[in-house]
Amino acid sequence: MESYIVLILIILTSATVVISIMYLSKNFYFICPKCNQRLKIPAKKLLITAHVFDEYNLRCPFCGEKNYMKQIKEK
């Protein structure tokens, strides 16, 4: 019985993470600190990218800079 509860909690947690990442990729963008280009990042990449709070360690496809980039909400 306890293993079912653990399994359900794992499934719910995983679903919450996936939904959050999908929301983030659709409603936020990132700004490169070097070239100031605006970036939209796919959900799969955000899922595996290291981050601290609202900053993600990303590589800019325009200038190649790899740095922590702050997420910014679209209007």
C-alpha atoms as a PDB file:
ATOM      1  CA  MET A   1       0.000   0.000   0.000  1.00  0.00           C
ATOM      2  CA  GLU A   2       2.779   2.458   0.872  1.00  0.00           C
ATOM      3  CA  SER A   3       4.542   1.847  -2.434  1.00  0.00           C
ATOM      4  CA  TYR A   4       1.411   3.019  -4.299  1.00  0.00           C
ATOM      5  CA  ILE A   5       1.402   6.265  -2.352  1.00  0.00           C
ATOM      6  CA  VAL A   6       5.065   6.851  -3.156  1.00  0.00           C
ATOM      7  CA  LEU A   7       4.441   6.092  -6.838  1.00  0.00           C
ATOM      8  CA  ILE A   8       1.503   8.502  -6.961  1.00  0.00           C
ATOM      9  CA  LEU A   9       3.590  11.236  -5.319  1.00  0.00           C
ATOM     10  CA  ILE A  10       6.412  10.703  -7.827  1.00  0.00           C
ATOM     11  CA  ILE A  11       3.982  10.895 -10.758  1.00  0.00           C
ATOM     12  CA  LEU A  12       2.312  14.053  -9.417  1.00  0.00           C
ATOM     13  CA  THR A  13       5.667  15.730  -8.774  1.00  0.00           C
ATOM     14  CA  SER A  14       6.926  14.844 -12.253  1.00  0.00           C
ATOM     15  CA  ALA A  15       3.752  16.160 -13.856  1.00  0.00           C
ATOM     16  CA  THR A  16       4.054  19.417 -11.902  1.00  0.00           C
ATOM     17  CA  VAL A  17       7.647  19.901 -13.056  1.00  0.00           C
ATOM     18  CA  VAL A  18       6.755  19.238 -16.706  1.00  0.00           C
ATOM     19  CA  ILE A  19       3.780  21.630 -16.618  1.00  0.00           C
ATOM     20  CA  SER A  20       5.910  24.340 -14.958  1.00  0.00           C
ATOM     21  CA  ILE A  21       8.663  24.001 -17.567  1.00  0.00           C
ATOM     22  CA  MET A  22       6.135  24.135 -20.425  1.00  0.00           C
ATOM     23  CA  TYR A  23       4.599  27.302 -18.934  1.00  0.00           C
ATOM     24  CA  LEU A  24       8.038  28.849 -18.528  1.00  0.00           C
ATOM     25  CA  SER A  25       9.078  28.136 -22.120  1.00  0.00           C
ATOM     26  CA  LYS A  26       5.872  29.645 -23.535  1.00  0.00           C
ATOM     27  CA  ASN A  27       5.564  32.740 -21.326  1.00  0.00           C
ATOM     28  CA  PHE A  28       9.138  33.822 -20.609  1.00  0.00           C
ATOM     29  CA  TYR A  29      12.200  34.785 -22.604  1.00  0.00           C
ATOM     30  CA  PHE A  30      15.852  35.285 -21.712  1.00  0.00           C
ATOM     31  CA  ILE A  31      18.267  38.128 -22.474  1.00  0.00           C
ATOM     32  CA  CYS A  32      21.914  37.443 -23.328  1.00  0.00           C
ATOM     33  CA  PRO A  33      24.105  39.651 -21.093  1.00  0.00           C
ATOM     34  CA  LYS A  34      26.762  39.990 -23.838  1.00  0.00           C
ATOM     35  CA  CYS A  35      24.815  40.788 -27.036  1.00  0.00           C
ATOM     36  CA  ASN A  36      21.413  41.683 -25.482  1.00  0.00           C
ATOM     37  CA  GLN A  37      19.539  39.343 -27.849  1.00  0.00           C
ATOM     38  CA  ARG A  38      16.163  38.047 -26.730  1.00  0.00           C
ATOM     39  CA  LEU A  39      16.018  34.228 -26.574  1.00  0.00           C
ATOM     40  CA  LYS A  40      13.119  31.778 -26.486  1.00  0.00           C
ATOM     41  CA  ILE A  41      14.268  28.425 -25.132  1.00  0.00           C
ATOM     42  CA  PRO A  42      12.431  25.129 -25.822  1.00  0.00           C
ATOM     43  CA  ALA A  43      10.942  23.272 -22.852  1.00  0.00           C
ATOM     44  CA  LYS A  44      13.223  20.229 -23.306  1.00  0.00           C
ATOM     45  CA  LYS A  45      16.312  22.393 -22.985  1.00  0.00           C
ATOM     46  CA  LEU A  46      14.983  24.190 -19.896  1.00  0.00           C
ATOM     47  CA  LEU A  47      14.238  20.858 -18.247  1.00  0.00           C
ATOM     48  CA  ILE A  48      17.898  19.800 -18.297  1.00  0.00           C
ATOM     49  CA  THR A  49      19.539  23.227 -17.846  1.00  0.00           C
ATOM     50  CA  ALA A  50      21.158  24.218 -14.559  1.00  0.00           C
ATOM     51  CA  HIS A  51      19.462  27.163 -12.900  1.00  0.00           C
ATOM     52  CA  VAL A  52      19.467  29.234  -9.732  1.00  0.00           C
ATOM     53  CA  PHE A  53      16.117  30.824  -8.871  1.00  0.00           C
ATOM     54  CA  ASP A  54      15.149  32.750 -12.047  1.00  0.00           C
ATOM     55  CA  GLU A  55      18.520  32.552 -13.837  1.00  0.00           C
ATOM     56  CA  TYR A  56      19.371  29.726 -16.245  1.00  0.00           C
ATOM     57  CA  ASN A  57      22.842  28.761 -17.480  1.00  0.00           C
ATOM     58  CA  LEU A  58      22.317  29.007 -21.248  1.00  0.00           C
ATOM     59  CA  ARG A  59      24.418  29.438 -24.384  1.00  0.00           C
ATOM     60  CA  CYS A  60      23.385  32.278 -26.672  1.00  0.00           C
ATOM     61  CA  PRO A  61      22.865  31.025 -30.251  1.00  0.00           C
ATOM     62  CA  PHE A  62      23.805  34.469 -31.604  1.00  0.00           C
ATOM     63  CA  CYS A  63      27.166  35.199 -29.932  1.00  0.00           C
ATOM     64  CA  GLY A  64      28.026  31.826 -28.329  1.00  0.00           C
ATOM     65  CA  GLU A  65      28.327  33.260 -24.795  1.00  0.00           C
ATOM     66  CA  LYS A  66      27.491  30.759 -22.045  1.00  0.00           C
ATOM     67  CA  ASN A  67      26.280  32.546 -18.962  1.00  0.00           C
ATOM     68  CA  TYR A  68      23.436  32.748 -16.473  1.00  0.00           C
ATOM     69  CA  MET A  69      20.527  34.537 -18.120  1.00  0.00           C
ATOM     70  CA  LYS A  70      17.594  36.017 -16.253  1.00  0.00           C
ATOM     71  CA  GLN A  71      14.085  34.995 -17.248  1.00  0.00           C
ATOM     72  CA  ILE A  72      11.746  37.827 -18.201  1.00  0.00           C
ATOM     73  CA  LYS A  73       7.959  37.534 -18.470  1.00  0.00           C
ATOM     74  CA  GLU A  74       6.426  38.399 -21.824  1.00  0.00           C
ATOM     75  CA  LYS A  75       3.818  41.126 -21.786  1.00  0.00           C
END
